[in-house]
Amino acid sequence: MSQQAQWDSSIAFIFAMIGAAVGLGNIWRFSYVLYSNGGGSFFIPYLIAIAIMGVPFLILEYGVGFSFKESFSKIMKDINPKFEIVAWILVLFVFIVTIYYMVILSWDLVYLGSSFTFSWGTDAANYFVNTVGGSSNLSNANFLLIPTTVGVLLLWVILWFISHRNVDKGIGKVSKILIPALFLIMGAIIIYALTLPGANVGVATLLTPDWNKLLDVNIWLAAFAQIIFSLSMGQAIALTYASYLPENSKLIDNVLIVVASNSLFEICTAFGVFSILGYMSVTAGTPMVQLITEGTGLIFIVFPMIFNIMGPIGRILAPLLFLAILFAGITSALGFFEPMLNSTSDKLGWSRKKTATILSVIGCVFSLILTTGISSYLVGIIDSFVNEFGILLLIGIQCIIFAWFWGVDKFLPALNEYSSFKVGKTWAFVIKYLLPLVLIVMWAIGIVKLFSTATTFEVTIDLIIIAVVLIFAFVLTKVKPAND
């Protein structure tokens, strides 16, 4: 084993894993997915998706990382040298996620600064387009959105500072501080939100079940997609973090703690989000349907509008919300960065500090390219493509490699030895047959949707990403390892 890194306790690992899982998707995506996919009835496919995909695949990732105790690229090479390129393709895709994720975090950082003076003014949409996130007008690509540019530089310095240290002193220590702080802040926001006038209107809108939707295959696909993105499944994060675990770890117990924490966080946050939307609807007389959106529209346009009419309490809630998003985002970004950092350091024989420094500079340069006047448009294109095309396909491929080429039964002793809960034939069946089938169907449907609606510019960006990833994956595979 070439790497000596290790968590000092399971607590550090659990907080780091919760940090990697709980991110922007939990705060700004889940409530919209829940509302638009049948409300209360969505919990049925959601819980089934957790049971047959979220938990089984995370158990597999923990088992692989813990058993091999090597970087992802080395694990794939150990199974079959031909598979090493698959590992590099995946960690490069996840590195690209880090690159655009830092841009979204920079938008949040700008809003955190603005939340003390409400400098977004009365037209929140205009502020986002002109100051922070830009638009889809390609003629705006020739200038930088300076606040976002400065934010990106600052955030990459923070990411480097945490990542270049030993995992326990860096990621472990930061996660132990930020994750409890995140849960406390969001807890306070949610409790207050539930007391607002109109909160009941928002919650009722969120939870009203549409049982007919359960017959729609798209609702089930939405549930599985939410679990993949929400738990950062198959992105070599869990696998990498698990490789740092000490010997007597309760792997399956840890999986259940992480999954339960993640789901509880996003479900509670959805109640908070819709309570605040209900307040806006009742106070401003705006129909709920006009307020409900996801992602950047919800956080950076709708919420500032709501804070504007809240009075003094808005002045407190606004900074708290943007601070919570920042904490959730930083811990997730650390997770996205780690597989590339670990695999590159392992392959090239560089120190962790040197690898983190070089990758941070490269990542920062590419993030800066995404801070032009079409920032949010570019981020949206890359996000859709990387997740729906790249990562989804690679999760399916990992399932097949670990289950069929290596043998899923080989992981059972390590998984069951210290765990309070045991896995066996049912889990192996899910990994070998059910999951690959579900993932390939999801990938095929997603690809048809992705390319049938894409513009020439969007397809061009997608093709550039494929070319860059394949070239670098090929080069990194061919490079002679440091210890050869």
Protein backbone atom coordinates (compact mmCIF):
# COMPACT_ATOMS: atom_id res chain seq x y z
CA MET A 1 0.00 0.00 0.00
CA SER A 2 1.65 3.20 -1.21
CA GLN A 3 -0.48 5.70 0.67
CA GLN A 4 -0.28 6.00 4.44
CA ALA A 5 -3.24 8.38 4.86
CA GLN A 6 -5.81 7.33 7.45
CA TRP A 7 -8.75 8.84 9.34
CA ASP A 8 -8.11 9.06 13.08
CA SER A 9 -11.65 7.79 13.72
CA SER A 10 -14.86 6.66 12.08
CA ILE A 11 -16.39 10.00 13.13
CA ALA A 12 -13.98 11.91 10.86
CA PHE A 13 -14.86 9.56 7.99
CA ILE A 14 -18.63 9.81 8.60
CA PHE A 15 -18.55 13.62 8.73
CA ALA A 16 -16.40 13.74 5.57
CA MET A 17 -18.82 11.37 3.80
CA ILE A 18 -21.88 13.34 4.94
CA GLY A 19 -20.05 16.47 3.77
CA ALA A 20 -19.43 14.95 0.35
CA ALA A 21 -23.08 13.84 0.06
CA VAL A 22 -24.85 16.90 1.48
CA GLY A 23 -24.35 19.65 -1.06
CA LEU A 24 -26.14 22.12 -3.28
CA GLY A 25 -28.45 19.42 -4.67
CA ASN A 26 -29.96 18.79 -1.23
CA ILE A 27 -30.70 22.48 -0.67
CA TRP A 28 -31.89 23.65 -4.06
CA ARG A 29 -32.78 20.56 -6.07
CA PHE A 30 -34.63 18.09 -3.87
CA SER A 31 -37.62 20.26 -2.94
CA TYR A 32 -38.31 20.97 -6.62
CA VAL A 33 -37.91 17.30 -7.61
CA LEU A 34 -40.27 16.27 -4.79
CA TYR A 35 -42.89 18.88 -5.76
CA SER A 36 -42.77 18.26 -9.52
CA ASN A 37 -42.83 14.46 -9.28
CA GLY A 38 -46.03 13.78 -7.40
CA GLY A 39 -45.47 15.53 -4.06
CA GLY A 40 -46.07 13.17 -1.15
CA SER A 41 -46.40 10.17 -3.47
CA PHE A 42 -42.78 10.73 -4.62
CA PHE A 43 -41.55 9.33 -1.28
CA ILE A 44 -42.45 5.82 -2.49
CA PRO A 45 -40.03 5.75 -5.50
CA TYR A 46 -37.55 7.82 -3.47
CA LEU A 47 -37.35 5.28 -0.63
CA ILE A 48 -37.27 2.36 -3.10
CA ALA A 49 -34.40 4.05 -4.97
CA ILE A 50 -32.48 4.39 -1.68
CA ALA A 51 -33.11 0.72 -0.85
CA ILE A 52 -32.18 -0.82 -4.21
CA MET A 53 -29.55 1.63 -5.41
CA GLY A 54 -28.28 4.17 -2.83
CA VAL A 55 -27.49 1.80 0.02
CA PRO A 56 -26.31 -1.23 -2.05
CA PHE A 57 -23.96 0.79 -4.26
CA LEU A 58 -22.44 2.75 -1.36
CA ILE A 59 -21.86 -0.55 0.45
CA LEU A 60 -20.04 -1.76 -2.68
CA GLU A 61 -17.92 1.40 -2.84
CA TYR A 62 -16.99 1.14 0.84
CA GLY A 63 -16.17 -2.54 0.39
CA VAL A 64 -13.93 -1.88 -2.64
CA GLY A 65 -12.06 1.07 -1.10
CA PHE A 66 -11.61 -0.63 2.27
CA SER A 67 -10.50 -3.99 0.79
CA PHE A 68 -7.93 -2.59 -1.66
CA LYS A 69 -6.76 0.45 0.36
CA GLU A 70 -5.43 2.01 -2.85
CA SER A 71 -6.32 4.86 -5.17
CA PHE A 72 -9.18 4.31 -7.62
CA SER A 73 -6.88 4.13 -10.66
CA LYS A 74 -4.67 1.52 -8.98
CA ILE A 75 -7.69 -0.56 -7.90
CA MET A 76 -8.95 -0.68 -11.49
CA LYS A 77 -5.49 -1.58 -12.74
CA ASP A 78 -5.23 -4.39 -10.14
CA ILE A 79 -8.52 -5.87 -11.36
CA ASN A 80 -7.37 -5.67 -15.00
CA PRO A 81 -4.77 -3.29 -16.51
CA LYS A 82 -7.25 -2.54 -19.34
CA PHE A 83 -9.63 -1.00 -16.80
CA GLU A 84 -7.21 1.68 -15.63
CA ILE A 85 -8.36 4.06 -18.36
CA VAL A 86 -11.97 3.72 -17.06
CA ALA A 87 -10.76 4.97 -13.67
CA TRP A 88 -9.03 7.98 -15.20
CA ILE A 89 -12.08 8.85 -17.30
CA LEU A 90 -14.23 8.84 -14.16
CA VAL A 91 -11.88 10.85 -11.93
CA LEU A 92 -11.43 13.39 -14.74
CA PHE A 93 -15.21 13.77 -15.05
CA VAL A 94 -15.43 14.24 -11.26
CA PHE A 95 -12.57 16.78 -11.43
CA ILE A 96 -14.65 18.69 -14.01
CA VAL A 97 -17.50 18.68 -11.48
CA THR A 98 -15.10 20.33 -8.99
CA ILE A 99 -14.24 22.98 -11.59
CA TYR A 100 -17.81 24.17 -12.25
CA TYR A 101 -18.93 23.52 -8.66
CA MET A 102 -16.41 26.13 -7.49
CA VAL A 103 -18.06 28.65 -9.84
CA ILE A 104 -21.51 27.99 -8.33
CA LEU A 105 -19.95 28.33 -4.87
CA SER A 106 -18.50 31.65 -5.97
CA TRP A 107 -21.99 32.89 -6.91
CA ASP A 108 -23.06 31.93 -3.39
CA LEU A 109 -20.05 33.73 -1.89
CA VAL A 110 -21.01 36.93 -3.78
CA TYR A 111 -24.57 36.60 -2.44
CA LEU A 112 -23.27 35.98 1.07
CA GLY A 113 -21.45 39.33 0.85
CA SER A 114 -24.50 41.01 -0.67
CA SER A 115 -26.81 39.60 2.03
CA PHE A 116 -25.50 42.02 4.65
CA THR A 117 -26.59 45.10 2.66
CA PHE A 118 -29.14 43.51 0.27
CA SER A 119 -27.15 45.00 -2.61
CA TRP A 120 -29.10 42.79 -5.04
CA GLY A 121 -31.77 45.52 -4.89
CA THR A 122 -35.39 45.08 -5.93
CA ASP A 123 -34.65 43.25 -9.20
CA ALA A 124 -32.94 40.04 -8.08
CA ALA A 125 -33.01 38.49 -11.58
CA ASN A 126 -31.24 41.49 -13.08
CA TYR A 127 -28.59 41.42 -10.34
CA PHE A 128 -27.87 37.74 -10.98
CA VAL A 129 -27.55 38.19 -14.77
CA ASN A 130 -25.45 41.37 -14.72
CA THR A 131 -23.25 40.86 -11.67
CA VAL A 132 -22.99 37.19 -10.76
CA GLY A 133 -24.12 34.48 -13.19
CA GLY A 134 -24.53 36.04 -16.63
CA SER A 135 -26.95 34.80 -19.28
CA SER A 136 -27.12 32.56 -22.35
CA ASN A 137 -26.37 35.47 -24.71
CA LEU A 138 -23.12 34.30 -26.35
CA SER A 139 -22.04 37.87 -27.16
CA ASN A 140 -21.46 38.32 -23.41
CA ALA A 141 -18.64 35.75 -23.42
CA ASN A 142 -16.03 38.48 -23.95
CA PHE A 143 -16.05 39.92 -20.42
CA LEU A 144 -15.59 38.60 -16.87
CA LEU A 145 -18.10 38.92 -14.05
CA ILE A 146 -15.54 40.36 -11.63
CA PRO A 147 -17.22 39.47 -8.28
CA THR A 148 -17.54 35.83 -9.44
CA THR A 149 -13.95 35.81 -10.70
CA VAL A 150 -12.61 37.07 -7.36
CA GLY A 151 -14.79 34.52 -5.52
CA VAL A 152 -13.40 31.66 -7.61
CA LEU A 153 -9.80 32.64 -6.83
CA LEU A 154 -10.54 32.86 -3.11
CA LEU A 155 -12.39 29.52 -3.00
CA TRP A 156 -9.64 27.64 -4.84
CA VAL A 157 -7.12 28.96 -2.30
CA ILE A 158 -9.39 27.64 0.51
CA LEU A 159 -9.81 24.26 -1.25
CA TRP A 160 -6.04 23.98 -1.76
CA PHE A 161 -5.33 24.95 1.85
CA ILE A 162 -7.58 22.18 3.19
CA SER A 163 -6.71 19.52 0.57
CA HIS A 164 -2.92 19.80 0.60
CA ARG A 165 -2.83 18.70 4.25
CA ASN A 166 -3.01 15.09 5.44
CA VAL A 167 -6.65 13.86 5.03
CA ASP A 168 -7.24 13.73 8.76
CA LYS A 169 -5.82 17.18 9.52
CA GLY A 170 -7.43 18.68 6.41
CA ILE A 171 -10.73 17.20 5.23
CA GLY A 172 -11.37 15.34 8.52
CA LYS A 173 -10.87 18.38 10.75
CA VAL A 174 -12.83 20.77 8.51
CA SER A 175 -15.74 18.32 8.10
CA LYS A 176 -15.99 17.88 11.88
CA ILE A 177 -16.50 21.65 12.19
CA LEU A 178 -18.54 22.52 9.08
CA ILE A 179 -21.04 19.62 9.07
CA PRO A 180 -22.40 20.18 12.61
CA ALA A 181 -22.43 23.95 11.86
CA LEU A 182 -24.34 23.32 8.61
CA PHE A 183 -26.94 21.15 10.36
CA LEU A 184 -27.38 23.75 13.13
CA ILE A 185 -27.82 26.65 10.70
CA MET A 186 -30.25 24.78 8.45
CA GLY A 187 -32.10 23.50 11.54
CA ALA A 188 -32.58 27.09 12.76
CA ILE A 189 -33.75 28.26 9.29
CA ILE A 190 -36.21 25.34 8.95
CA ILE A 191 -37.69 25.78 12.45
CA TYR A 192 -38.15 29.51 11.89
CA ALA A 193 -39.56 28.97 8.38
CA LEU A 194 -42.23 26.62 9.74
CA THR A 195 -43.52 29.42 12.03
CA LEU A 196 -44.00 31.93 9.18
CA PRO A 197 -47.50 32.96 8.10
CA GLY A 198 -48.34 30.88 5.03
CA ALA A 199 -45.89 28.09 5.88
CA ASN A 200 -48.78 25.60 5.93
CA VAL A 201 -49.74 26.64 2.38
CA GLY A 202 -46.20 25.90 1.19
CA VAL A 203 -45.93 22.55 2.96
CA ALA A 204 -49.39 21.49 1.70
CA THR A 205 -48.33 22.40 -1.86
CA LEU A 206 -45.14 20.38 -1.46
CA LEU A 207 -46.73 17.25 -0.03
CA THR A 208 -50.08 17.03 -1.87
CA PRO A 209 -49.80 13.53 -3.36
CA ASP A 210 -50.53 12.77 -7.00
CA TRP A 211 -50.89 8.99 -6.92
CA ASN A 212 -51.38 8.76 -10.71
CA LYS A 213 -47.79 9.90 -11.18
CA LEU A 214 -46.55 6.60 -9.74
CA LEU A 215 -47.50 5.02 -13.07
CA ASP A 216 -45.19 7.43 -14.93
CA VAL A 217 -41.71 5.92 -15.56
CA ASN A 218 -40.17 9.43 -15.47
CA ILE A 219 -41.05 9.79 -11.78
CA TRP A 220 -39.10 6.64 -10.99
CA LEU A 221 -36.16 7.83 -13.09
CA ALA A 222 -36.27 11.16 -11.22
CA ALA A 223 -36.08 9.31 -7.88
CA PHE A 224 -33.07 7.25 -8.97
CA ALA A 225 -31.36 10.32 -10.46
CA GLN A 226 -31.89 12.26 -7.21
CA ILE A 227 -30.27 9.47 -5.18
CA ILE A 228 -27.26 9.27 -7.54
CA PHE A 229 -26.61 13.02 -7.45
CA SER A 230 -27.54 13.48 -3.80
CA LEU A 231 -25.26 10.72 -2.47
CA SER A 232 -22.44 11.47 -4.98
CA MET A 233 -22.70 7.80 -5.96
CA GLY A 234 -20.10 6.13 -8.13
CA GLN A 235 -17.83 9.16 -8.29
CA ALA A 236 -14.96 7.37 -6.52
CA ILE A 237 -15.44 9.67 -3.50
CA ALA A 238 -16.83 7.04 -1.11
CA LEU A 239 -14.34 4.51 -2.44
CA THR A 240 -11.40 6.90 -1.89
CA TYR A 241 -12.54 8.00 1.57
CA ALA A 242 -13.17 4.34 2.59
CA SER A 243 -9.60 3.45 1.60
CA TYR A 244 -8.41 5.68 4.48
CA LEU A 245 -10.45 3.78 7.12
CA PRO A 246 -8.78 1.93 10.00
CA GLU A 247 -9.04 -1.87 10.10
CA ASN A 248 -11.94 -2.53 12.50
CA SER A 249 -14.48 -0.22 10.80
CA LYS A 250 -18.21 -0.98 10.76
CA LEU A 251 -18.65 -0.37 7.03
CA ILE A 252 -22.36 -1.12 6.62
CA ASP A 253 -23.28 0.84 9.77
CA ASN A 254 -21.39 3.83 8.33
CA VAL A 255 -23.28 3.58 5.03
CA LEU A 256 -26.64 3.62 6.82
CA ILE A 257 -25.63 6.63 8.95
CA VAL A 258 -24.51 8.61 5.88
CA VAL A 259 -27.60 7.75 3.80
CA ALA A 260 -30.00 8.50 6.68
CA SER A 261 -28.28 11.84 7.43
CA ASN A 262 -28.34 12.86 3.78
CA SER A 263 -32.03 12.00 3.28
CA LEU A 264 -33.10 13.58 6.55
CA PHE A 265 -31.24 16.76 5.63
CA GLU A 266 -32.81 17.11 2.19
CA ILE A 267 -36.35 16.22 3.32
CA CYS A 268 -36.23 18.71 6.23
CA THR A 269 -34.71 21.36 3.97
CA ALA A 270 -37.60 20.88 1.50
CA PHE A 271 -40.04 21.71 4.32
CA GLY A 272 -38.06 24.88 5.08
CA VAL A 273 -37.85 25.94 1.43
CA PHE A 274 -41.57 25.47 0.80
CA SER A 275 -42.54 27.16 4.08
CA ILE A 276 -40.65 30.25 2.92
CA LEU A 277 -42.25 30.02 -0.55
CA GLY A 278 -45.67 29.73 1.13
CA TYR A 279 -44.89 32.86 3.15
CA MET A 280 -44.02 34.76 -0.04
CA SER A 281 -47.18 33.49 -1.74
CA VAL A 282 -49.47 34.64 1.11
CA THR A 283 -47.64 37.91 1.86
CA ALA A 284 -47.07 39.13 -1.69
CA GLY A 285 -50.11 37.48 -3.23
CA THR A 286 -47.93 35.63 -5.74
CA PRO A 287 -49.30 32.22 -6.80
CA MET A 288 -47.08 29.35 -5.55
CA VAL A 289 -46.65 28.01 -9.07
CA GLN A 290 -44.84 31.23 -10.09
CA LEU A 291 -42.36 30.94 -7.23
CA ILE A 292 -41.45 27.28 -7.53
CA THR A 293 -38.21 26.72 -9.39
CA GLU A 294 -34.96 24.85 -8.78
CA GLY A 295 -31.28 25.56 -8.63
CA THR A 296 -30.00 29.05 -9.29
CA GLY A 297 -33.48 30.48 -9.92
CA LEU A 298 -34.67 29.44 -6.46
CA ILE A 299 -31.63 30.44 -4.41
CA PHE A 300 -30.37 33.49 -6.28
CA ILE A 301 -33.58 35.07 -7.58
CA VAL A 302 -36.67 33.87 -5.64
CA PHE A 303 -35.07 33.84 -2.17
CA PRO A 304 -33.58 37.37 -2.37
CA MET A 305 -37.06 38.60 -3.42
CA ILE A 306 -38.49 36.93 -0.30
CA PHE A 307 -35.77 38.31 1.99
CA ASN A 308 -36.55 41.80 0.62
CA ILE A 309 -40.13 41.65 1.95
CA MET A 310 -39.32 39.89 5.24
CA GLY A 311 -38.11 42.93 7.13
CA PRO A 312 -35.49 42.61 9.93
CA ILE A 313 -35.67 38.82 10.13
CA GLY A 314 -34.73 38.63 6.42
CA ARG A 315 -31.48 40.38 7.34
CA ILE A 316 -30.65 37.46 9.63
CA LEU A 317 -31.99 34.60 7.48
CA ALA A 318 -30.27 35.71 4.26
CA PRO A 319 -26.66 35.51 5.53
CA LEU A 320 -27.47 32.26 7.35
CA LEU A 321 -28.84 30.61 4.20
CA PHE A 322 -25.91 31.62 2.00
CA LEU A 323 -23.47 30.58 4.74
CA ALA A 324 -25.17 27.15 4.95
CA ILE A 325 -24.87 26.75 1.16
CA LEU A 326 -21.19 27.71 1.38
CA PHE A 327 -20.49 25.11 4.11
CA ALA A 328 -22.40 22.39 2.22
CA GLY A 329 -20.59 23.31 -0.98
CA ILE A 330 -17.05 23.38 0.43
CA THR A 331 -17.35 19.93 2.01
CA SER A 332 -18.78 18.54 -1.26
CA ALA A 333 -16.04 20.21 -3.33
CA LEU A 334 -13.42 18.53 -1.11
CA GLY A 335 -15.06 15.20 -1.92
CA PHE A 336 -15.09 15.87 -5.68
CA PHE A 337 -11.42 16.92 -5.59
CA GLU A 338 -10.13 13.94 -3.60
CA PRO A 339 -10.32 11.08 -6.20
CA MET A 340 -8.25 13.03 -8.75
CA LEU A 341 -5.83 14.16 -6.04
CA ASN A 342 -5.39 10.65 -4.61
CA SER A 343 -5.08 8.87 -7.98
CA THR A 344 -2.63 11.42 -9.45
CA SER A 345 -0.44 11.45 -6.33
CA ASP A 346 -0.41 7.65 -6.29
CA LYS A 347 0.39 7.28 -9.98
CA LEU A 348 3.07 9.95 -10.32
CA GLY A 349 4.64 9.47 -6.90
CA TRP A 350 4.15 13.14 -6.03
CA SER A 351 3.58 14.29 -2.47
CA ARG A 352 0.01 15.19 -1.52
CA LYS A 353 1.04 18.86 -1.19
CA LYS A 354 2.59 19.01 -4.67
CA THR A 355 -0.35 17.21 -6.31
CA ALA A 356 -2.93 19.42 -4.57
CA THR A 357 -1.03 22.56 -5.60
CA ILE A 358 -0.73 21.60 -9.30
CA LEU A 359 -4.34 20.38 -9.57
CA SER A 360 -5.63 23.49 -7.76
CA VAL A 361 -3.84 25.77 -10.25
CA ILE A 362 -5.22 23.78 -13.23
CA GLY A 363 -8.71 23.66 -11.72
CA CYS A 364 -8.66 27.37 -10.90
CA VAL A 365 -7.67 28.34 -14.47
CA PHE A 366 -10.60 26.36 -15.92
CA SER A 367 -13.00 27.70 -13.28
CA LEU A 368 -11.97 31.26 -14.25
CA ILE A 369 -12.93 30.52 -17.87
CA LEU A 370 -16.46 29.85 -16.54
CA THR A 371 -16.76 33.31 -14.92
CA THR A 372 -17.49 35.18 -18.16
CA GLY A 373 -20.83 36.82 -19.00
CA ILE A 374 -22.24 33.39 -19.95
CA SER A 375 -21.17 31.76 -16.67
CA SER A 376 -24.49 30.15 -15.64
CA TYR A 377 -25.20 28.98 -19.21
CA LEU A 378 -21.82 27.21 -19.47
CA VAL A 379 -22.14 25.68 -16.01
CA GLY A 380 -25.60 24.35 -16.91
CA ILE A 381 -24.36 22.71 -20.14
CA ILE A 382 -21.35 21.08 -18.45
CA ASP A 383 -23.37 19.94 -15.42
CA SER A 384 -26.03 18.19 -17.53
CA PHE A 385 -23.50 16.50 -19.79
CA VAL A 386 -21.01 15.36 -17.14
CA ASN A 387 -23.73 13.87 -14.92
CA GLU A 388 -26.20 12.47 -17.45
CA PHE A 389 -23.65 11.22 -19.97
CA GLY A 390 -20.36 10.65 -18.15
CA ILE A 391 -20.90 9.75 -14.54
CA LEU A 392 -24.14 7.78 -15.00
CA LEU A 393 -22.51 5.54 -17.65
CA LEU A 394 -19.41 5.05 -15.52
CA ILE A 395 -21.42 4.02 -12.43
CA GLY A 396 -22.95 1.23 -14.55
CA ILE A 397 -19.53 0.19 -15.83
CA GLN A 398 -18.13 0.11 -12.26
CA CYS A 399 -21.03 -2.10 -11.17
CA ILE A 400 -20.19 -4.59 -13.93
CA ILE A 401 -16.41 -4.50 -13.29
CA PHE A 402 -16.64 -4.96 -9.51
CA ALA A 403 -19.44 -7.54 -9.64
CA TRP A 404 -18.45 -9.61 -12.67
CA PHE A 405 -14.73 -9.17 -13.34
CA TRP A 406 -13.55 -9.06 -9.73
CA GLY A 407 -16.42 -10.83 -7.98
CA VAL A 408 -18.80 -9.16 -5.59
CA ASP A 409 -18.57 -12.07 -3.07
CA LYS A 410 -14.91 -11.19 -2.38
CA PHE A 411 -16.03 -8.04 -0.53
CA LEU A 412 -18.44 -9.81 1.83
CA PRO A 413 -15.95 -10.77 4.60
CA ALA A 414 -14.64 -7.18 4.96
CA LEU A 415 -18.15 -5.74 4.86
CA ASN A 416 -19.68 -8.12 7.38
CA GLU A 417 -16.79 -8.65 9.82
CA TYR A 418 -17.43 -5.72 12.19
CA SER A 419 -20.79 -4.42 10.96
CA SER A 420 -23.98 -4.72 13.02
CA PHE A 421 -25.93 -5.32 9.78
CA LYS A 422 -24.89 -8.01 7.30
CA VAL A 423 -25.24 -8.32 3.53
CA GLY A 424 -25.37 -11.46 1.42
CA LYS A 425 -27.09 -12.96 -1.63
CA THR A 426 -29.78 -10.30 -2.01
CA TRP A 427 -27.19 -7.51 -2.02
CA ALA A 428 -25.03 -9.44 -4.52
CA PHE A 429 -28.07 -9.93 -6.81
CA VAL A 430 -28.86 -6.21 -6.75
CA ILE A 431 -25.26 -5.28 -7.62
CA LYS A 432 -24.85 -7.90 -10.35
CA TYR A 433 -28.19 -7.69 -12.14
CA LEU A 434 -30.65 -5.04 -10.96
CA LEU A 435 -28.40 -1.97 -10.70
CA PRO A 436 -26.60 -2.29 -14.06
CA LEU A 437 -29.99 -2.71 -15.77
CA VAL A 438 -31.54 0.35 -14.07
CA LEU A 439 -28.45 2.48 -14.75
CA ILE A 440 -28.19 1.56 -18.44
CA VAL A 441 -31.91 2.31 -19.00
CA MET A 442 -31.52 5.67 -17.19
CA TRP A 443 -28.43 6.49 -19.22
CA ALA A 444 -30.09 5.67 -22.56
CA ILE A 445 -33.18 7.78 -21.77
CA GLY A 446 -31.00 10.64 -20.50
CA ILE A 447 -28.81 10.65 -23.60
CA VAL A 448 -31.77 10.77 -25.97
CA LYS A 449 -33.20 13.70 -23.99
CA LEU A 450 -29.84 15.46 -23.73
CA PHE A 451 -28.98 15.42 -27.42
CA SER A 452 -32.50 15.82 -28.84
CA THR A 453 -32.80 19.26 -27.21
CA ALA A 454 -29.16 20.44 -27.48
CA THR A 455 -28.10 23.40 -29.64
CA THR A 456 -24.99 23.31 -31.86
CA PHE A 457 -23.06 25.32 -29.25
CA GLU A 458 -24.04 22.88 -26.49
CA VAL A 459 -23.07 19.83 -28.57
CA THR A 460 -19.72 21.50 -29.35
CA ILE A 461 -19.02 21.98 -25.61
CA ASP A 462 -20.00 18.33 -24.97
CA LEU A 463 -17.64 17.08 -27.69
CA ILE A 464 -14.78 19.23 -26.35
CA ILE A 465 -15.30 17.69 -22.87
CA ILE A 466 -15.24 14.15 -24.32
CA ALA A 467 -12.06 14.89 -26.30
CA VAL A 468 -10.23 16.47 -23.33
CA VAL A 469 -11.25 13.68 -20.93
CA LEU A 470 -10.24 10.89 -23.34
CA ILE A 471 -6.88 12.48 -24.22
CA PHE A 472 -5.90 13.07 -20.57
CA ALA A 473 -7.21 9.63 -19.49
CA PHE A 474 -5.09 8.00 -22.22
CA VAL A 475 -1.97 9.98 -21.24
CA LEU A 476 -2.38 9.27 -17.51
CA THR A 477 -2.90 5.56 -18.23
CA LYS A 478 0.25 5.38 -20.36
CA VAL A 479 2.49 7.28 -17.93
CA LYS A 480 4.90 4.94 -16.17
CA PRO A 481 4.01 4.69 -12.45
CA ALA A 482 6.49 6.27 -10.05
CA ASN A 483 7.36 2.99 -8.38
CA ASP A 484 8.05 1.05 -11.61
